[in-house]
């Protein structure tokens, strides 16, 4: 997909990867970039930087997602590229007494933002895209969606589901000329990672949000499904499928290291 001349929507656009995506899309010649975020002030700053439009939206709320999409399509034009980028890291484990410790409300919030936001957007946009001959979705997940997340079962599980939905969307609508790219980075220099403490996701280095955005646009241009900004993740995936039990043992060892670094004795 060529980005030049396209109308693009990016959620989670107030900072981090979302802001970097908006800037990269504008630089690539997008016709219009819509910066969407729960924090309208941050979205407004992003929109100002790229000459786009800011919109407030809680992506975990179906009605708000649908209203945002309708507003873009009515006021600006048909959405060519929908970047569902917003995500949250919750359920950080401070004791490791019970990996399922997080309250149901915390699970539900992560499910709403990390999974259902993608579903809400696709449910509303797929019919529109089919009617006009195609479209593109970019979903930001995480390497945790392929490998899991030591220190937060909530994050690892919901990001697995996000990857699974991206796969379903890609295979389910390939014949409708609807393409999907899923972004699965490890450590990125964002507020989320900086606030997560000693984090195994940063073991292979922290990339800038700008570098991740550029790699994502390269994948979109090539209509490539999986983006791994940290190439080591591909080998970790191979290790996982080649010997699942050994992989679990390795992840348990990583958890011991993380626990020692984060839990006071």
C-alpha atoms as a PDB file:
ATOM      1  CA  UNK A   1       0.000   0.000   0.000  1.00  0.00           C
ATOM      2  CA  UNK A   2       1.332   3.406  -0.913  1.00  0.00           C
ATOM      3  CA  UNK A   3       0.794   5.930   1.869  1.00  0.00           C
ATOM      4  CA  UNK A   4       0.941   9.049  -0.255  1.00  0.00           C
ATOM      5  CA  UNK A   5      -2.507  10.571  -0.701  1.00  0.00           C
ATOM      6  CA  UNK A   6      -4.161   8.326   1.886  1.00  0.00           C
ATOM      7  CA  UNK A   7      -6.409   9.265   4.816  1.00  0.00           C
ATOM      8  CA  UNK A   8      -4.942   7.709   7.961  1.00  0.00           C
ATOM      9  CA  UNK A   9      -6.237   7.360  11.522  1.00  0.00           C
ATOM     10  CA  UNK A  10      -3.917   6.637  14.447  1.00  0.00           C
ATOM     11  CA  UNK A  11      -5.178   5.862  17.955  1.00  0.00           C
ATOM     12  CA  UNK A  12      -2.991   6.331  21.005  1.00  0.00           C
ATOM     13  CA  UNK A  13      -1.564   9.323  19.154  1.00  0.00           C
ATOM     14  CA  UNK A  14      -0.823  11.649  22.075  1.00  0.00           C
ATOM     15  CA  UNK A  15       2.685  10.286  22.574  1.00  0.00           C
ATOM     16  CA  UNK A  16       5.098   7.435  21.913  1.00  0.00           C
ATOM     17  CA  UNK A  17       4.632   5.149  18.935  1.00  0.00           C
ATOM     18  CA  UNK A  18       1.298   6.762  18.057  1.00  0.00           C
ATOM     19  CA  UNK A  19       2.793  10.236  17.724  1.00  0.00           C
ATOM     20  CA  UNK A  20       5.757   8.849  15.796  1.00  0.00           C
ATOM     21  CA  UNK A  21       3.399   7.048  13.413  1.00  0.00           C
ATOM     22  CA  UNK A  22       1.471  10.265  12.767  1.00  0.00           C
ATOM     23  CA  UNK A  23       4.686  12.126  12.014  1.00  0.00           C
ATOM     24  CA  UNK A  24       5.995   9.359   9.759  1.00  0.00           C
ATOM     25  CA  UNK A  25       2.695   9.159   7.859  1.00  0.00           C
ATOM     26  CA  UNK A  26       2.661  12.906   7.285  1.00  0.00           C
ATOM     27  CA  UNK A  27       6.292  12.790   6.141  1.00  0.00           C
ATOM     28  CA  UNK A  28       5.366   9.989   3.731  1.00  0.00           C
ATOM     29  CA  UNK A  29       2.755  12.181   2.069  1.00  0.00           C
ATOM     30  CA  UNK A  30      -0.495  11.056   3.669  1.00  0.00           C
ATOM     31  CA  UNK A  31      -3.399  13.212   2.539  1.00  0.00           C
ATOM     32  CA  UNK A  32      -4.669  13.653   6.093  1.00  0.00           C
ATOM     33  CA  UNK A  33      -3.664  12.222   9.469  1.00  0.00           C
ATOM     34  CA  UNK A  34      -6.209  11.991  12.293  1.00  0.00           C
ATOM     35  CA  UNK A  35      -4.615  11.809  15.747  1.00  0.00           C
ATOM     36  CA  UNK A  36      -6.931  10.033  18.174  1.00  0.00           C
ATOM     37  CA  UNK A  37      -6.417   9.704  21.912  1.00  0.00           C
ATOM     38  CA  UNK A  38      -8.269   9.708  25.203  1.00  0.00           C
ATOM     39  CA  UNK A  39      -6.008  12.658  26.090  1.00  0.00           C
ATOM     40  CA  UNK A  40      -7.218  15.290  23.650  1.00  0.00           C
ATOM     41  CA  UNK A  41      -4.490  17.772  24.618  1.00  0.00           C
ATOM     42  CA  UNK A  42      -1.754  15.365  23.539  1.00  0.00           C
ATOM     43  CA  UNK A  43      -3.666  14.417  20.400  1.00  0.00           C
ATOM     44  CA  UNK A  44      -4.009  18.111  19.628  1.00  0.00           C
ATOM     45  CA  UNK A  45      -0.256  18.638  19.920  1.00  0.00           C
ATOM     46  CA  UNK A  46       0.352  15.701  17.577  1.00  0.00           C
ATOM     47  CA  UNK A  47      -2.204  16.982  15.075  1.00  0.00           C
ATOM     48  CA  UNK A  48      -0.582  20.418  15.167  1.00  0.00           C
ATOM     49  CA  UNK A  49       2.786  18.872  14.344  1.00  0.00           C
ATOM     50  CA  UNK A  50       1.457  17.069  11.275  1.00  0.00           C
ATOM     51  CA  UNK A  51      -1.204  19.475  10.060  1.00  0.00           C
ATOM     52  CA  UNK A  52      -3.906  16.960  10.854  1.00  0.00           C
ATOM     53  CA  UNK A  53      -7.008  16.658  13.001  1.00  0.00           C
ATOM     54  CA  UNK A  54      -7.281  15.667  16.657  1.00  0.00           C
ATOM     55  CA  UNK A  55     -10.164  13.645  18.038  1.00  0.00           C
ATOM     56  CA  UNK A  56     -10.891  12.393  21.545  1.00  0.00           C
ATOM     57  CA  UNK A  57     -11.912   8.765  21.900  1.00  0.00           C
ATOM     58  CA  UNK A  58     -11.891   5.996  24.485  1.00  0.00           C
ATOM     59  CA  UNK A  59     -11.026   3.100  22.183  1.00  0.00           C
ATOM     60  CA  UNK A  60     -12.346   0.584  24.693  1.00  0.00           C
ATOM     61  CA  UNK A  61     -15.846   2.004  24.191  1.00  0.00           C
ATOM     62  CA  UNK A  62     -17.596   0.645  21.086  1.00  0.00           C
ATOM     63  CA  UNK A  63     -19.900   3.631  20.685  1.00  0.00           C
ATOM     64  CA  UNK A  64     -17.037   6.109  20.856  1.00  0.00           C
ATOM     65  CA  UNK A  65     -14.975   4.172  18.307  1.00  0.00           C
ATOM     66  CA  UNK A  66     -17.885   4.000  15.885  1.00  0.00           C
ATOM     67  CA  UNK A  67     -18.667   7.700  16.374  1.00  0.00           C
ATOM     68  CA  UNK A  68     -15.028   8.631  15.748  1.00  0.00           C
ATOM     69  CA  UNK A  69     -14.900   6.576  12.546  1.00  0.00           C
ATOM     70  CA  UNK A  70     -18.157   8.090  11.290  1.00  0.00           C
ATOM     71  CA  UNK A  71     -16.909  11.586  12.027  1.00  0.00           C
ATOM     72  CA  UNK A  72     -13.702  10.990  10.062  1.00  0.00           C
ATOM     73  CA  UNK A  73     -15.545   9.484   7.114  1.00  0.00           C
ATOM     74  CA  UNK A  74     -18.191  12.219   7.052  1.00  0.00           C
ATOM     75  CA  UNK A  75     -15.955  15.233   7.676  1.00  0.00           C
ATOM     76  CA  UNK A  76     -12.632  14.232   6.119  1.00  0.00           C
ATOM     77  CA  UNK A  77     -13.137  11.250   3.841  1.00  0.00           C
ATOM     78  CA  UNK A  78     -12.918   7.453   3.638  1.00  0.00           C
ATOM     79  CA  UNK A  79     -10.331   5.910   5.933  1.00  0.00           C
ATOM     80  CA  UNK A  80      -7.650   4.153   3.904  1.00  0.00           C
ATOM     81  CA  UNK A  81      -5.398   3.149   6.817  1.00  0.00           C
ATOM     82  CA  UNK A  82      -6.685   2.492  10.328  1.00  0.00           C
ATOM     83  CA  UNK A  83      -3.825   2.279  12.843  1.00  0.00           C
ATOM     84  CA  UNK A  84      -5.234   0.806  16.062  1.00  0.00           C
ATOM     85  CA  UNK A  85      -2.210   1.635  18.166  1.00  0.00           C
ATOM     86  CA  UNK A  86      -3.570   2.443  21.642  1.00  0.00           C
ATOM     87  CA  UNK A  87      -2.655  -0.005  24.385  1.00  0.00           C
ATOM     88  CA  UNK A  88      -2.180  -0.209  28.141  1.00  0.00           C
ATOM     89  CA  UNK A  89       0.172  -2.113  30.419  1.00  0.00           C
ATOM     90  CA  UNK A  90      -1.607  -3.125  33.611  1.00  0.00           C
ATOM     91  CA  UNK A  91      -1.524  -5.973  36.094  1.00  0.00           C
ATOM     92  CA  UNK A  92       2.147  -5.529  36.975  1.00  0.00           C
ATOM     93  CA  UNK A  93       3.075  -8.275  39.428  1.00  0.00           C
ATOM     94  CA  UNK A  94       4.757  -7.076  42.618  1.00  0.00           C
ATOM     95  CA  UNK A  95       4.777 -10.352  44.554  1.00  0.00           C
ATOM     96  CA  UNK A  96       4.547 -13.344  42.158  1.00  0.00           C
ATOM     97  CA  UNK A  97       2.398 -15.126  44.737  1.00  0.00           C
ATOM     98  CA  UNK A  98      -0.328 -15.818  42.157  1.00  0.00           C
ATOM     99  CA  UNK A  99       0.102 -14.951  38.468  1.00  0.00           C
ATOM    100  CA  UNK A 100      -3.687 -14.494  38.165  1.00  0.00           C
ATOM    101  CA  UNK A 101      -3.816 -11.981  41.016  1.00  0.00           C
ATOM    102  CA  UNK A 102      -5.171  -8.971  39.094  1.00  0.00           C
ATOM    103  CA  UNK A 103      -8.755  -7.952  39.776  1.00  0.00           C
ATOM    104  CA  UNK A 104     -11.395  -8.777  37.183  1.00  0.00           C
ATOM    105  CA  UNK A 105     -11.870  -5.058  36.563  1.00  0.00           C
ATOM    106  CA  UNK A 106      -8.196  -4.748  35.630  1.00  0.00           C
ATOM    107  CA  UNK A 107      -8.440  -7.682  33.226  1.00  0.00           C
ATOM    108  CA  UNK A 108     -11.571  -6.207  31.678  1.00  0.00           C
ATOM    109  CA  UNK A 109      -9.957  -2.803  31.167  1.00  0.00           C
ATOM    110  CA  UNK A 110      -6.931  -4.350  29.434  1.00  0.00           C
ATOM    111  CA  UNK A 111      -9.206  -6.546  27.335  1.00  0.00           C
ATOM    112  CA  UNK A 112     -11.227  -3.520  26.264  1.00  0.00           C
ATOM    113  CA  UNK A 113      -8.216  -1.451  25.174  1.00  0.00           C
ATOM    114  CA  UNK A 114      -5.739  -4.096  24.007  1.00  0.00           C
ATOM    115  CA  UNK A 115      -8.210  -6.352  22.187  1.00  0.00           C
ATOM    116  CA  UNK A 116     -11.725  -5.019  21.755  1.00  0.00           C
ATOM    117  CA  UNK A 117     -10.543  -1.664  20.410  1.00  0.00           C
ATOM    118  CA  UNK A 118      -9.267  -3.537  17.347  1.00  0.00           C
ATOM    119  CA  UNK A 119     -12.526  -5.477  17.099  1.00  0.00           C
ATOM    120  CA  UNK A 120     -14.706  -2.362  17.385  1.00  0.00           C
ATOM    121  CA  UNK A 121     -12.789  -0.596  14.607  1.00  0.00           C
ATOM    122  CA  UNK A 122     -12.841  -3.598  12.288  1.00  0.00           C
ATOM    123  CA  UNK A 123     -16.512  -4.371  12.888  1.00  0.00           C
ATOM    124  CA  UNK A 124     -17.441  -0.837  11.818  1.00  0.00           C
ATOM    125  CA  UNK A 125     -14.870  -0.335   9.056  1.00  0.00           C
ATOM    126  CA  UNK A 126     -14.758  -3.687   7.245  1.00  0.00           C
ATOM    127  CA  UNK A 127     -18.151  -3.213   5.516  1.00  0.00           C
ATOM    128  CA  UNK A 128     -17.134   0.277   4.402  1.00  0.00           C
ATOM    129  CA  UNK A 129     -13.775  -0.940   3.103  1.00  0.00           C
ATOM    130  CA  UNK A 130     -15.354  -3.881   1.289  1.00  0.00           C
ATOM    131  CA  UNK A 131     -17.840  -1.553  -0.407  1.00  0.00           C
ATOM    132  CA  UNK A 132     -15.046   0.628  -1.790  1.00  0.00           C
ATOM    133  CA  UNK A 133     -12.733  -2.183  -2.824  1.00  0.00           C
ATOM    134  CA  UNK A 134     -10.334  -2.563   0.075  1.00  0.00           C
ATOM    135  CA  UNK A 135      -8.458  -0.941   2.912  1.00  0.00           C
ATOM    136  CA  UNK A 136      -5.718  -1.411   5.471  1.00  0.00           C
ATOM    137  CA  UNK A 137      -5.480  -2.052   9.224  1.00  0.00           C
ATOM    138  CA  UNK A 138      -2.351  -1.702  11.306  1.00  0.00           C
ATOM    139  CA  UNK A 139      -2.596  -3.125  14.830  1.00  0.00           C
ATOM    140  CA  UNK A 140       0.031  -2.440  17.465  1.00  0.00           C
ATOM    141  CA  UNK A 141       0.426  -5.513  19.638  1.00  0.00           C
ATOM    142  CA  UNK A 142       3.749  -6.458  21.243  1.00  0.00           C
ATOM    143  CA  UNK A 143       6.397  -9.149  21.255  1.00  0.00           C
ATOM    144  CA  UNK A 144       4.484 -10.171  24.392  1.00  0.00           C
ATOM    145  CA  UNK A 145       1.710 -11.261  22.032  1.00  0.00           C
ATOM    146  CA  UNK A 146       4.084 -13.843  20.580  1.00  0.00           C
ATOM    147  CA  UNK A 147       6.262 -14.714  23.576  1.00  0.00           C
ATOM    148  CA  UNK A 148       4.266 -13.629  26.671  1.00  0.00           C
ATOM    149  CA  UNK A 149       5.160 -11.068  29.321  1.00  0.00           C
ATOM    150  CA  UNK A 150       7.075 -11.870  32.464  1.00  0.00           C
ATOM    151  CA  UNK A 151       5.630  -9.661  35.175  1.00  0.00           C
ATOM    152  CA  UNK A 152       2.137  -9.175  33.755  1.00  0.00           C
ATOM    153  CA  UNK A 153      -0.120 -12.021  32.730  1.00  0.00           C
ATOM    154  CA  UNK A 154      -2.772  -9.399  31.943  1.00  0.00           C
ATOM    155  CA  UNK A 155      -0.578  -7.781  29.295  1.00  0.00           C
ATOM    156  CA  UNK A 156       0.765 -11.034  27.834  1.00  0.00           C
ATOM    157  CA  UNK A 157      -2.652 -12.644  27.506  1.00  0.00           C
ATOM    158  CA  UNK A 158      -4.410  -9.627  25.977  1.00  0.00           C
ATOM    159  CA  UNK A 159      -1.568  -9.025  23.521  1.00  0.00           C
ATOM    160  CA  UNK A 160      -1.766 -12.698  22.454  1.00  0.00           C
ATOM    161  CA  UNK A 161      -5.431 -12.101  21.720  1.00  0.00           C
ATOM    162  CA  UNK A 162      -4.577  -8.951  19.777  1.00  0.00           C
ATOM    163  CA  UNK A 163      -2.212 -10.916  17.529  1.00  0.00           C
ATOM    164  CA  UNK A 164      -4.836 -13.630  17.112  1.00  0.00           C
ATOM    165  CA  UNK A 165      -7.464 -11.129  16.014  1.00  0.00           C
ATOM    166  CA  UNK A 166      -5.054  -9.529  13.544  1.00  0.00           C
ATOM    167  CA  UNK A 167      -4.444 -12.966  12.034  1.00  0.00           C
ATOM    168  CA  UNK A 168      -8.178 -13.628  11.808  1.00  0.00           C
ATOM    169  CA  UNK A 169      -8.776 -10.265  10.165  1.00  0.00           C
ATOM    170  CA  UNK A 170      -5.957 -10.796   7.676  1.00  0.00           C
ATOM    171  CA  UNK A 171      -7.022 -14.258   6.561  1.00  0.00           C
ATOM    172  CA  UNK A 172     -10.733 -13.547   6.780  1.00  0.00           C
ATOM    173  CA  UNK A 173     -10.625 -10.536   4.458  1.00  0.00           C
ATOM    174  CA  UNK A 174      -7.645 -11.110   2.211  1.00  0.00           C
ATOM    175  CA  UNK A 175     -10.007 -11.827  -0.690  1.00  0.00           C
ATOM    176  CA  UNK A 176     -11.739  -8.490  -0.011  1.00  0.00           C
ATOM    177  CA  UNK A 177      -8.451  -6.661  -0.635  1.00  0.00           C
ATOM    178  CA  UNK A 178      -8.222  -5.724   3.035  1.00  0.00           C
ATOM    179  CA  UNK A 179      -4.675  -5.991   4.335  1.00  0.00           C
ATOM    180  CA  UNK A 180      -3.379  -6.167   7.893  1.00  0.00           C
ATOM    181  CA  UNK A 181      -0.041  -5.436   9.521  1.00  0.00           C
ATOM    182  CA  UNK A 182       0.620  -6.259  13.184  1.00  0.00           C
ATOM    183  CA  UNK A 183       3.446  -4.555  15.049  1.00  0.00           C
ATOM    184  CA  UNK A 184       5.200  -6.605  17.743  1.00  0.00           C
ATOM    185  CA  UNK A 185       8.105  -4.688  19.277  1.00  0.00           C
ATOM    186  CA  UNK A 186       9.980  -5.344  22.482  1.00  0.00           C
ATOM    187  CA  UNK A 187      11.367  -2.325  24.339  1.00  0.00           C
ATOM    188  CA  UNK A 188      10.500   1.057  22.825  1.00  0.00           C
ATOM    189  CA  UNK A 189      11.400   4.389  24.399  1.00  0.00           C
ATOM    190  CA  UNK A 190       7.893   5.296  25.523  1.00  0.00           C
ATOM    191  CA  UNK A 191       6.244   6.327  28.775  1.00  0.00           C
ATOM    192  CA  UNK A 192       4.839   2.786  29.090  1.00  0.00           C
ATOM    193  CA  UNK A 193       8.275   1.155  29.075  1.00  0.00           C
ATOM    194  CA  UNK A 194       9.891   3.849  31.222  1.00  0.00           C
ATOM    195  CA  UNK A 195       7.196   3.324  33.853  1.00  0.00           C
ATOM    196  CA  UNK A 196       7.492  -0.468  33.957  1.00  0.00           C
ATOM    197  CA  UNK A 197      10.641  -0.683  36.103  1.00  0.00           C
ATOM    198  CA  UNK A 198      13.198  -3.429  35.554  1.00  0.00           C
ATOM    199  CA  UNK A 199      11.685  -5.043  32.478  1.00  0.00           C
ATOM    200  CA  UNK A 200      12.835  -8.118  30.526  1.00  0.00           C
ATOM    201  CA  UNK A 201      11.328  -6.596  27.374  1.00  0.00           C
ATOM    202  CA  UNK A 202      14.278  -4.197  27.253  1.00  0.00           C
ATOM    203  CA  UNK A 203      16.940  -6.940  27.247  1.00  0.00           C
ATOM    204  CA  UNK A 204      17.560  -6.624  23.493  1.00  0.00           C
ATOM    205  CA  UNK A 205      17.769  -2.846  23.570  1.00  0.00           C
ATOM    206  CA  UNK A 206      15.347   0.042  23.512  1.00  0.00           C
ATOM    207  CA  UNK A 207      14.425   1.447  20.120  1.00  0.00           C
ATOM    208  CA  UNK A 208      13.155   4.952  19.489  1.00  0.00           C
ATOM    209  CA  UNK A 209       9.487   5.355  18.631  1.00  0.00           C
ATOM    210  CA  UNK A 210      10.577   6.977  15.374  1.00  0.00           C
ATOM    211  CA  UNK A 211      12.585   3.933  14.335  1.00  0.00           C
ATOM    212  CA  UNK A 212       9.642   1.641  15.100  1.00  0.00           C
ATOM    213  CA  UNK A 213       7.294   3.875  13.118  1.00  0.00           C
ATOM    214  CA  UNK A 214       9.575   3.816  10.077  1.00  0.00           C
ATOM    215  CA  UNK A 215       9.850   0.028  10.189  1.00  0.00           C
ATOM    216  CA  UNK A 216       6.066  -0.170  10.409  1.00  0.00           C
ATOM    217  CA  UNK A 217       5.567   2.043   7.360  1.00  0.00           C
ATOM    218  CA  UNK A 218       8.081  -0.070   5.440  1.00  0.00           C
ATOM    219  CA  UNK A 219       5.983  -3.158   6.247  1.00  0.00           C
ATOM    220  CA  UNK A 220       2.752  -1.420   5.226  1.00  0.00           C
ATOM    221  CA  UNK A 221       4.240  -0.420   1.882  1.00  0.00           C
ATOM    222  CA  UNK A 222       5.253  -4.044   1.323  1.00  0.00           C
ATOM    223  CA  UNK A 223       1.901  -5.306   2.712  1.00  0.00           C
ATOM    224  CA  UNK A 224       3.805  -7.467   5.192  1.00  0.00           C
ATOM    225  CA  UNK A 225       1.797  -8.937   8.055  1.00  0.00           C
ATOM    226  CA  UNK A 226       4.320  -9.133  10.911  1.00  0.00           C
ATOM    227  CA  UNK A 227       6.676  -6.334  11.960  1.00  0.00           C
ATOM    228  CA  UNK A 228       9.481  -7.332  14.347  1.00  0.00           C
ATOM    229  CA  UNK A 229      11.541  -4.200  15.051  1.00  0.00           C
ATOM    230  CA  UNK A 230      13.708  -6.361  17.313  1.00  0.00           C
ATOM    231  CA  UNK A 231      14.847  -9.180  14.972  1.00  0.00           C
ATOM    232  CA  UNK A 232      15.781 -11.382  17.935  1.00  0.00           C
ATOM    233  CA  UNK A 233      12.075 -12.060  18.461  1.00  0.00           C
ATOM    234  CA  UNK A 234      11.961 -14.261  15.358  1.00  0.00           C
ATOM    235  CA  UNK A 235      14.551 -16.600  16.867  1.00  0.00           C
ATOM    236  CA  UNK A 236      12.727 -16.636  20.199  1.00  0.00           C
ATOM    237  CA  UNK A 237       9.579 -17.697  18.338  1.00  0.00           C
ATOM    238  CA  UNK A 238      11.504 -20.516  16.671  1.00  0.00           C
ATOM    239  CA  UNK A 239      12.870 -21.629  20.037  1.00  0.00           C
ATOM    240  CA  UNK A 240       9.350 -21.654  21.450  1.00  0.00           C
ATOM    241  CA  UNK A 241       7.834 -23.893  18.776  1.00  0.00           C
ATOM    242  CA  UNK A 242      10.899 -26.129  18.512  1.00  0.00           C
ATOM    243  CA  UNK A 243      10.902 -27.048  22.223  1.00  0.00           C
ATOM    244  CA  UNK A 244       8.024 -25.594  24.185  1.00  0.00           C
ATOM    245  CA  UNK A 245       9.066 -27.156  27.506  1.00  0.00           C
ATOM    246  CA  UNK A 246      12.616 -25.814  27.243  1.00  0.00           C
ATOM    247  CA  UNK A 247      11.206 -22.398  26.324  1.00  0.00           C
ATOM    248  CA  UNK A 248       8.954 -22.366  29.400  1.00  0.00           C
ATOM    249  CA  UNK A 249      11.963 -23.263  31.515  1.00  0.00           C
ATOM    250  CA  UNK A 250      13.895 -20.374  30.033  1.00  0.00           C
ATOM    251  CA  UNK A 251      11.025 -17.957  30.662  1.00  0.00           C
ATOM    252  CA  UNK A 252      10.745 -19.203  34.256  1.00  0.00           C
ATOM    253  CA  UNK A 253      14.456 -18.438  34.677  1.00  0.00           C
ATOM    254  CA  UNK A 254      13.842 -14.957  33.265  1.00  0.00           C
ATOM    255  CA  UNK A 255      11.031 -14.506  35.771  1.00  0.00           C
ATOM    256  CA  UNK A 256      13.389 -15.409  38.627  1.00  0.00           C
ATOM    257  CA  UNK A 257      15.783 -12.698  37.452  1.00  0.00           C
ATOM    258  CA  UNK A 258      12.940 -10.177  37.122  1.00  0.00           C
ATOM    259  CA  UNK A 259      11.565 -11.107  40.543  1.00  0.00           C
ATOM    260  CA  UNK A 260      14.958 -10.642  42.184  1.00  0.00           C
ATOM    261  CA  UNK A 261      15.253  -7.201  40.617  1.00  0.00           C
ATOM    262  CA  UNK A 262      11.758  -6.017  41.517  1.00  0.00           C
ATOM    263  CA  UNK A 263      10.601  -7.714  44.714  1.00  0.00           C
ATOM    264  CA  UNK A 264      12.022  -6.497  47.992  1.00  0.00           C
ATOM    265  CA  UNK A 265      13.190  -9.266  50.281  1.00  0.00           C
END
